[in-house]
Amino acid sequence: METVGAYEAKTHLPKLLERVIKGERITITKHGVPVAVLQPPESIRKTEPKKVIAELRKFRDKHRLKGLSLRDMIEEGRR
């Protein structure tokens, strides 16, 4: 991981961002002290809607309300 001073980072930000896009991590320092890290974001995994719905149904089957209604719970929460 490369280290870059804050002034240099400000001056060359577009070039640094291009390097980050390629997968590099760059530490930005101020007076020699690390203050930030430029790194690519973690990829966000998208789950298929059918899989999410199936998991919700499985959860619902395991966790019953035992006679409580949604309205009762809402009213209880308001007290």
PDB file of N, CA and C in Angstrom:
ATOM      1  N   MET A   1       0.855  -1.171   0.000  1.00  0.00           N
ATOM      2  CA  MET A   1       0.000   0.000   0.000  1.00  0.00           C
ATOM      3  C   MET A   1       0.896   1.227   0.000  1.00  0.00           C
ATOM      4  N   GLU A   2       0.634   2.115  -0.910  1.00  0.00           N
ATOM      5  CA  GLU A   2       1.426   3.341  -1.029  1.00  0.00           C
ATOM      6  C   GLU A   2       0.903   4.415  -0.083  1.00  0.00           C
ATOM      7  N   THR A   3       1.805   5.306   0.323  1.00  0.00           N
ATOM      8  CA  THR A   3       1.445   6.426   1.178  1.00  0.00           C
ATOM      9  C   THR A   3       1.633   7.718   0.396  1.00  0.00           C
ATOM     10  N   VAL A   4       0.645   8.615   0.508  1.00  0.00           N
ATOM     11  CA  VAL A   4       0.678   9.885  -0.210  1.00  0.00           C
ATOM     12  C   VAL A   4       0.315  10.994   0.766  1.00  0.00           C
ATOM     13  N   GLY A   5       1.007  12.113   0.680  1.00  0.00           N
ATOM     14  CA  GLY A   5       0.687  13.259   1.524  1.00  0.00           C
ATOM     15  C   GLY A   5      -0.620  13.893   1.102  1.00  0.00           C
ATOM     16  N   ALA A   6      -1.257  14.609   2.031  1.00  0.00           N
ATOM     17  CA  ALA A   6      -2.566  15.224   1.771  1.00  0.00           C
ATOM     18  C   ALA A   6      -2.506  16.224   0.620  1.00  0.00           C
ATOM     19  N   TYR A   7      -1.453  17.031   0.554  1.00  0.00           N
ATOM     20  CA  TYR A   7      -1.336  18.025  -0.520  1.00  0.00           C
ATOM     21  C   TYR A   7      -1.236  17.327  -1.873  1.00  0.00           C
ATOM     22  N   GLU A   8      -0.385  16.303  -1.935  1.00  0.00           N
ATOM     23  CA  GLU A   8      -0.235  15.552  -3.180  1.00  0.00           C
ATOM     24  C   GLU A   8      -1.547  14.867  -3.567  1.00  0.00           C
ATOM     25  N   ALA A   9      -2.258  14.323  -2.575  1.00  0.00           N
ATOM     26  CA  ALA A   9      -3.541  13.663  -2.838  1.00  0.00           C
ATOM     27  C   ALA A   9      -4.536  14.655  -3.424  1.00  0.00           C
ATOM     28  N   LYS A  10      -4.555  15.865  -2.868  1.00  0.00           N
ATOM     29  CA  LYS A  10      -5.482  16.895  -3.363  1.00  0.00           C
ATOM     30  C   LYS A  10      -5.113  17.278  -4.794  1.00  0.00           C
ATOM     31  N   THR A  11      -3.821  17.406  -5.034  1.00  0.00           N
ATOM     32  CA  THR A  11      -3.359  17.843  -6.348  1.00  0.00           C
ATOM     33  C   THR A  11      -3.563  16.778  -7.420  1.00  0.00           C
ATOM     34  N   HIS A  12      -3.389  15.508  -7.053  1.00  0.00           N
ATOM     35  CA  HIS A  12      -3.431  14.422  -8.034  1.00  0.00           C
ATOM     36  C   HIS A  12      -4.590  13.454  -7.805  1.00  0.00           C
ATOM     37  N   LEU A  13      -5.683  13.926  -7.240  1.00  0.00           N
ATOM     38  CA  LEU A  13      -6.802  13.043  -6.908  1.00  0.00           C
ATOM     39  C   LEU A  13      -7.312  12.226  -8.099  1.00  0.00           C
ATOM     40  N   PRO A  14      -7.520  12.826  -9.274  1.00  0.00           N
ATOM     41  CA  PRO A  14      -8.018  12.004 -10.394  1.00  0.00           C
ATOM     42  C   PRO A  14      -7.094  10.820 -10.714  1.00  0.00           C
ATOM     43  N   LYS A  15      -5.783  11.037 -10.672  1.00  0.00           N
ATOM     44  CA  LYS A  15      -4.833   9.948 -10.954  1.00  0.00           C
ATOM     45  C   LYS A  15      -4.898   8.887  -9.859  1.00  0.00           C
ATOM     46  N   LEU A  16      -5.015   9.342  -8.612  1.00  0.00           N
ATOM     47  CA  LEU A  16      -5.111   8.389  -7.506  1.00  0.00           C
ATOM     48  C   LEU A  16      -6.381   7.554  -7.619  1.00  0.00           C
ATOM     49  N   LEU A  17      -7.481   8.193  -7.989  1.00  0.00           N
ATOM     50  CA  LEU A  17      -8.744   7.461  -8.137  1.00  0.00           C
ATOM     51  C   LEU A  17      -8.655   6.411  -9.245  1.00  0.00           C
ATOM     52  N   GLU A  18      -7.953   6.721 -10.317  1.00  0.00           N
ATOM     53  CA  GLU A  18      -7.769   5.739 -11.386  1.00  0.00           C
ATOM     54  C   GLU A  18      -7.012   4.527 -10.865  1.00  0.00           C
ATOM     55  N   ARG A  19      -6.019   4.754 -10.020  1.00  0.00           N
ATOM     56  CA  ARG A  19      -5.272   3.645  -9.442  1.00  0.00           C
ATOM     57  C   ARG A  19      -6.142   2.825  -8.499  1.00  0.00           C
ATOM     58  N   VAL A  20      -7.005   3.507  -7.748  1.00  0.00           N
ATOM     59  CA  VAL A  20      -7.907   2.812  -6.828  1.00  0.00           C
ATOM     60  C   VAL A  20      -8.898   1.958  -7.613  1.00  0.00           C
ATOM     61  N   ILE A  21      -9.368   2.477  -8.723  1.00  0.00           N
ATOM     62  CA  ILE A  21     -10.295   1.710  -9.572  1.00  0.00           C
ATOM     63  C   ILE A  21      -9.653   0.402 -10.009  1.00  0.00           C
ATOM     64  N   LYS A  22      -8.350   0.424 -10.199  1.00  0.00           N
ATOM     65  CA  LYS A  22      -7.623  -0.776 -10.617  1.00  0.00           C
ATOM     66  C   LYS A  22      -7.336  -1.721  -9.456  1.00  0.00           C
ATOM     67  N   GLY A  23      -7.719  -1.324  -8.236  1.00  0.00           N
ATOM     68  CA  GLY A  23      -7.593  -2.224  -7.100  1.00  0.00           C
ATOM     69  C   GLY A  23      -6.568  -1.824  -6.050  1.00  0.00           C
ATOM     70  N   GLU A  24      -5.837  -0.730  -6.252  1.00  0.00           N
ATOM     71  CA  GLU A  24      -4.829  -0.310  -5.275  1.00  0.00           C
ATOM     72  C   GLU A  24      -5.468   0.313  -4.046  1.00  0.00           C
ATOM     73  N   ARG A  25      -4.759   0.218  -2.917  1.00  0.00           N
ATOM     74  CA  ARG A  25      -5.134   0.929  -1.686  1.00  0.00           C
ATOM     75  C   ARG A  25      -4.064   1.982  -1.446  1.00  0.00           C
ATOM     76  N   ILE A  26      -4.478   3.203  -1.159  1.00  0.00           N
ATOM     77  CA  ILE A  26      -3.538   4.302  -0.956  1.00  0.00           C
ATOM     78  C   ILE A  26      -3.858   4.979   0.365  1.00  0.00           C
ATOM     79  N   THR A  27      -2.839   5.109   1.226  1.00  0.00           N
ATOM     80  CA  THR A  27      -3.004   5.792   2.507  1.00  0.00           C
ATOM     81  C   THR A  27      -2.647   7.257   2.328  1.00  0.00           C
ATOM     82  N   ILE A  28      -3.509   8.133   2.814  1.00  0.00           N
ATOM     83  CA  ILE A  28      -3.250   9.574   2.774  1.00  0.00           C
ATOM     84  C   ILE A  28      -2.790  10.008   4.154  1.00  0.00           C
ATOM     85  N   THR A  29      -1.681  10.749   4.180  1.00  0.00           N
ATOM     86  CA  THR A  29      -1.131  11.198   5.458  1.00  0.00           C
ATOM     87  C   THR A  29      -1.156  12.718   5.546  1.00  0.00           C
ATOM     88  N   LYS A  30      -1.161  13.203   6.776  1.00  0.00           N
ATOM     89  CA  LYS A  30      -1.047  14.636   7.035  1.00  0.00           C
ATOM     90  C   LYS A  30       0.063  14.786   8.064  1.00  0.00           C
ATOM     91  N   HIS A  31       1.131  15.435   7.667  1.00  0.00           N
ATOM     92  CA  HIS A  31       2.316  15.573   8.512  1.00  0.00           C
ATOM     93  C   HIS A  31       2.843  14.213   8.945  1.00  0.00           C
ATOM     94  N   GLY A  32       2.782  13.239   8.019  1.00  0.00           N
ATOM     95  CA  GLY A  32       3.315  11.915   8.289  1.00  0.00           C
ATOM     96  C   GLY A  32       2.395  10.980   9.049  1.00  0.00           C
ATOM     97  N   VAL A  33       1.229  11.476   9.446  1.00  0.00           N
ATOM     98  CA  VAL A  33       0.286  10.660  10.211  1.00  0.00           C
ATOM     99  C   VAL A  33      -0.852  10.203   9.292  1.00  0.00           C
ATOM    100  N   PRO A  34      -1.118   8.894   9.193  1.00  0.00           N
ATOM    101  CA  PRO A  34      -2.216   8.421   8.341  1.00  0.00           C
ATOM    102  C   PRO A  34      -3.564   8.995   8.797  1.00  0.00           C
ATOM    103  N   VAL A  35      -4.297   9.561   7.834  1.00  0.00           N
ATOM    104  CA  VAL A  35      -5.608  10.135   8.161  1.00  0.00           C
ATOM    105  C   VAL A  35      -6.744   9.526   7.338  1.00  0.00           C
ATOM    106  N   ALA A  36      -6.416   8.846   6.240  1.00  0.00           N
ATOM    107  CA  ALA A  36      -7.468   8.260   5.403  1.00  0.00           C
ATOM    108  C   ALA A  36      -6.864   7.181   4.512  1.00  0.00           C
ATOM    109  N   VAL A  37      -7.744   6.323   4.018  1.00  0.00           N
ATOM    110  CA  VAL A  37      -7.334   5.286   3.077  1.00  0.00           C
ATOM    111  C   VAL A  37      -8.282   5.329   1.892  1.00  0.00           C
ATOM    112  N   LEU A  38      -7.706   5.438   0.702  1.00  0.00           N
ATOM    113  CA  LEU A  38      -8.503   5.321  -0.523  1.00  0.00           C
ATOM    114  C   LEU A  38      -8.444   3.859  -0.937  1.00  0.00           C
ATOM    115  N   GLN A  39      -9.605   3.244  -1.096  1.00  0.00           N
ATOM    116  CA  GLN A  39      -9.651   1.844  -1.513  1.00  0.00           C
ATOM    117  C   GLN A  39     -10.938   1.594  -2.267  1.00  0.00           C
ATOM    118  N   PRO A  40     -10.933   0.580  -3.118  1.00  0.00           N
ATOM    119  CA  PRO A  40     -12.167   0.261  -3.849  1.00  0.00           C
ATOM    120  C   PRO A  40     -13.257  -0.180  -2.872  1.00  0.00           C
ATOM    121  N   PRO A  41     -14.512   0.141  -3.169  1.00  0.00           N
ATOM    122  CA  PRO A  41     -15.606  -0.303  -2.290  1.00  0.00           C
ATOM    123  C   PRO A  41     -15.767  -1.814  -2.379  1.00  0.00           C
ATOM    124  N   GLU A  42     -16.273  -2.384  -1.282  1.00  0.00           N
ATOM    125  CA  GLU A  42     -16.572  -3.811  -1.311  1.00  0.00           C
ATOM    126  C   GLU A  42     -17.734  -4.023  -2.270  1.00  0.00           C
ATOM    127  N   SER A  43     -17.652  -5.080  -3.025  1.00  0.00           N
ATOM    128  CA  SER A  43     -18.743  -5.327  -3.966  1.00  0.00           C
ATOM    129  C   SER A  43     -20.002  -5.704  -3.192  1.00  0.00           C
ATOM    130  N   ILE A  44     -21.107  -5.197  -3.654  1.00  0.00           N
ATOM    131  CA  ILE A  44     -22.397  -5.471  -3.020  1.00  0.00           C
ATOM    132  C   ILE A  44     -23.041  -6.640  -3.756  1.00  0.00           C
ATOM    133  N   ARG A  45     -23.316  -7.677  -3.018  1.00  0.00           N
ATOM    134  CA  ARG A  45     -23.939  -8.848  -3.622  1.00  0.00           C
ATOM    135  C   ARG A  45     -25.445  -8.653  -3.662  1.00  0.00           C
ATOM    136  N   LYS A  46     -25.998  -8.850  -4.829  1.00  0.00           N
ATOM    137  CA  LYS A  46     -27.450  -8.775  -4.960  1.00  0.00           C
ATOM    138  C   LYS A  46     -28.006 -10.185  -4.901  1.00  0.00           C
ATOM    139  N   THR A  47     -28.972 -10.368  -4.039  1.00  0.00           N
ATOM    140  CA  THR A  47     -29.608 -11.671  -3.904  1.00  0.00           C
ATOM    141  C   THR A  47     -30.877 -11.680  -4.743  1.00  0.00           C
ATOM    142  N   GLU A  48     -31.142 -12.813  -5.327  1.00  0.00           N
ATOM    143  CA  GLU A  48     -32.341 -12.948  -6.149  1.00  0.00           C
ATOM    144  C   GLU A  48     -33.583 -12.771  -5.283  1.00  0.00           C
ATOM    145  N   PRO A  49     -34.580 -12.018  -5.761  1.00  0.00           N
ATOM    146  CA  PRO A  49     -35.806 -11.804  -4.988  1.00  0.00           C
ATOM    147  C   PRO A  49     -36.482 -13.101  -4.562  1.00  0.00           C
ATOM    148  N   LYS A  50     -36.476 -14.117  -5.423  1.00  0.00           N
ATOM    149  CA  LYS A  50     -37.118 -15.389  -5.066  1.00  0.00           C
ATOM    150  C   LYS A  50     -36.444 -16.019  -3.852  1.00  0.00           C
ATOM    151  N   LYS A  51     -35.116 -15.901  -3.770  1.00  0.00           N
ATOM    152  CA  LYS A  51     -34.388 -16.465  -2.635  1.00  0.00           C
ATOM    153  C   LYS A  51     -34.714 -15.696  -1.354  1.00  0.00           C
ATOM    154  N   VAL A  52     -34.799 -14.375  -1.442  1.00  0.00           N
ATOM    155  CA  VAL A  52     -35.135 -13.553  -0.274  1.00  0.00           C
ATOM    156  C   VAL A  52     -36.532 -13.895   0.228  1.00  0.00           C
ATOM    157  N   ILE A  53     -37.485 -14.015  -0.673  1.00  0.00           N
ATOM    158  CA  ILE A  53     -38.865 -14.346  -0.301  1.00  0.00           C
ATOM    159  C   ILE A  53     -38.915 -15.720   0.366  1.00  0.00           C
ATOM    160  N   ALA A  54     -38.187 -16.692  -0.187  1.00  0.00           N
ATOM    161  CA  ALA A  54     -38.168 -18.034   0.407  1.00  0.00           C
ATOM    162  C   ALA A  54     -37.590 -17.992   1.826  1.00  0.00           C
ATOM    163  N   GLU A  55     -36.538 -17.212   2.025  1.00  0.00           N
ATOM    164  CA  GLU A  55     -35.934 -17.105   3.363  1.00  0.00           C
ATOM    165  C   GLU A  55     -36.885 -16.420   4.341  1.00  0.00           C
ATOM    166  N   LEU A  56     -37.608 -15.408   3.888  1.00  0.00           N
ATOM    167  CA  LEU A  56     -38.584 -14.734   4.751  1.00  0.00           C
ATOM    168  C   LEU A  56     -39.700 -15.694   5.158  1.00  0.00           C
ATOM    169  N   ARG A  57     -40.156 -16.496   4.218  1.00  0.00           N
ATOM    170  CA  ARG A  57     -41.214 -17.467   4.534  1.00  0.00           C
ATOM    171  C   ARG A  57     -40.724 -18.500   5.538  1.00  0.00           C
ATOM    172  N   LYS A  58     -39.471 -18.947   5.379  1.00  0.00           N
ATOM    173  CA  LYS A  58     -38.893 -19.901   6.314  1.00  0.00           C
ATOM    174  C   LYS A  58     -38.813 -19.289   7.714  1.00  0.00           C
ATOM    175  N   PHE A  59     -38.398 -18.036   7.790  1.00  0.00           N
ATOM    176  CA  PHE A  59     -38.317 -17.335   9.078  1.00  0.00           C
ATOM    177  C   PHE A  59     -39.706 -17.225   9.708  1.00  0.00           C
ATOM    178  N   ARG A  60     -40.682 -16.844   8.885  1.00  0.00           N
ATOM    179  CA  ARG A  60     -42.054 -16.680   9.372  1.00  0.00           C
ATOM    180  C   ARG A  60     -42.609 -17.987   9.911  1.00  0.00           C
ATOM    181  N   ASP A  61     -42.293 -19.101   9.267  1.00  0.00           N
ATOM    182  CA  ASP A  61     -42.786 -20.405   9.729  1.00  0.00           C
ATOM    183  C   ASP A  61     -42.203 -20.772  11.088  1.00  0.00           C
ATOM    184  N   LYS A  62     -40.982 -20.360  11.367  1.00  0.00           N
ATOM    185  CA  LYS A  62     -40.336 -20.683  12.644  1.00  0.00           C
ATOM    186  C   LYS A  62     -40.736 -19.739  13.770  1.00  0.00           C
ATOM    187  N   HIS A  63     -41.203 -18.548  13.444  1.00  0.00           N
ATOM    188  CA  HIS A  63     -41.502 -17.532  14.455  1.00  0.00           C
ATOM    189  C   HIS A  63     -42.969 -17.121  14.360  1.00  0.00           C
ATOM    190  N   ARG A  64     -43.778 -17.734  15.177  1.00  0.00           N
ATOM    191  CA  ARG A  64     -45.212 -17.458  15.188  1.00  0.00           C
ATOM    192  C   ARG A  64     -45.549 -16.393  16.208  1.00  0.00           C
ATOM    193  N   LEU A  65     -46.659 -15.701  16.004  1.00  0.00           N
ATOM    194  CA  LEU A  65     -47.082 -14.615  16.895  1.00  0.00           C
ATOM    195  C   LEU A  65     -47.878 -15.111  18.090  1.00  0.00           C
ATOM    196  N   LYS A  66     -48.212 -16.379  18.103  1.00  0.00           N
ATOM    197  CA  LYS A  66     -48.927 -16.993  19.220  1.00  0.00           C
ATOM    198  C   LYS A  66     -50.197 -16.237  19.605  1.00  0.00           C
ATOM    199  N   GLY A  67     -51.033 -15.975  18.626  1.00  0.00           N
ATOM    200  CA  GLY A  67     -52.320 -15.360  18.895  1.00  0.00           C
ATOM    201  C   GLY A  67     -52.330 -13.839  18.884  1.00  0.00           C
ATOM    202  N   LEU A  68     -51.192 -13.192  18.859  1.00  0.00           N
ATOM    203  CA  LEU A  68     -51.166 -11.729  18.824  1.00  0.00           C
ATOM    204  C   LEU A  68     -51.465 -11.245  17.412  1.00  0.00           C
ATOM    205  N   SER A  69     -52.159 -10.140  17.348  1.00  0.00           N
ATOM    206  CA  SER A  69     -52.403  -9.554  16.035  1.00  0.00           C
ATOM    207  C   SER A  69     -51.421  -8.398  15.833  1.00  0.00           C
ATOM    208  N   LEU A  70     -51.218  -8.058  14.605  1.00  0.00           N
ATOM    209  CA  LEU A  70     -50.328  -6.946  14.282  1.00  0.00           C
ATOM    210  C   LEU A  70     -50.849  -5.662  14.926  1.00  0.00           C
ATOM    211  N   ARG A  71     -52.145  -5.470  14.903  1.00  0.00           N
ATOM    212  CA  ARG A  71     -52.758  -4.282  15.501  1.00  0.00           C
ATOM    213  C   ARG A  71     -52.457  -4.219  17.002  1.00  0.00           C
ATOM    214  N   ASP A  72     -52.559  -5.356  17.700  1.00  0.00           N
ATOM    215  CA  ASP A  72     -52.254  -5.388  19.139  1.00  0.00           C
ATOM    216  C   ASP A  72     -50.804  -4.991  19.410  1.00  0.00           C
ATOM    217  N   MET A  73     -49.900  -5.485  18.569  1.00  0.00           N
ATOM    218  CA  MET A  73     -48.503  -5.147  18.762  1.00  0.00           C
ATOM    219  C   MET A  73     -48.242  -3.664  18.533  1.00  0.00           C
ATOM    220  N   ILE A  74     -48.891  -3.097  17.527  1.00  0.00           N
ATOM    221  CA  ILE A  74     -48.735  -1.663  17.254  1.00  0.00           C
ATOM    222  C   ILE A  74     -49.241  -0.854  18.443  1.00  0.00           C
ATOM    223  N   GLU A  75     -50.395  -1.213  18.954  1.00  0.00           N
ATOM    224  CA  GLU A  75     -50.968  -0.505  20.109  1.00  0.00           C
ATOM    225  C   GLU A  75     -50.058  -0.642  21.337  1.00  0.00           C
ATOM    226  N   GLU A  76     -49.499  -1.820  21.540  1.00  0.00           N
ATOM    227  CA  GLU A  76     -48.583  -2.050  22.671  1.00  0.00           C
ATOM    228  C   GLU A  76     -47.352  -1.152  22.553  1.00  0.00           C
ATOM    229  N   GLY A  77     -46.875  -0.992  21.340  1.00  0.00           N
ATOM    230  CA  GLY A  77     -45.700  -0.166  21.111  1.00  0.00           C
ATOM    231  C   GLY A  77     -45.959   1.321  21.345  1.00  0.00           C
ATOM    232  N   ARG A  78     -47.206   1.751  21.237  1.00  0.00           N
ATOM    233  CA  ARG A  78     -47.559   3.159  21.445  1.00  0.00           C
ATOM    234  C   ARG A  78     -47.677   3.530  22.915  1.00  0.00           C
ATOM    235  N   ARG A  79     -47.766   2.538  23.766  1.00  0.00           N
ATOM    236  CA  ARG A  79     -47.951   2.841  25.199  1.00  0.00           C
ATOM    237  C   ARG A  79     -46.670   3.193  25.876  1.00  0.00           C
TER     238      ARG A  79
END
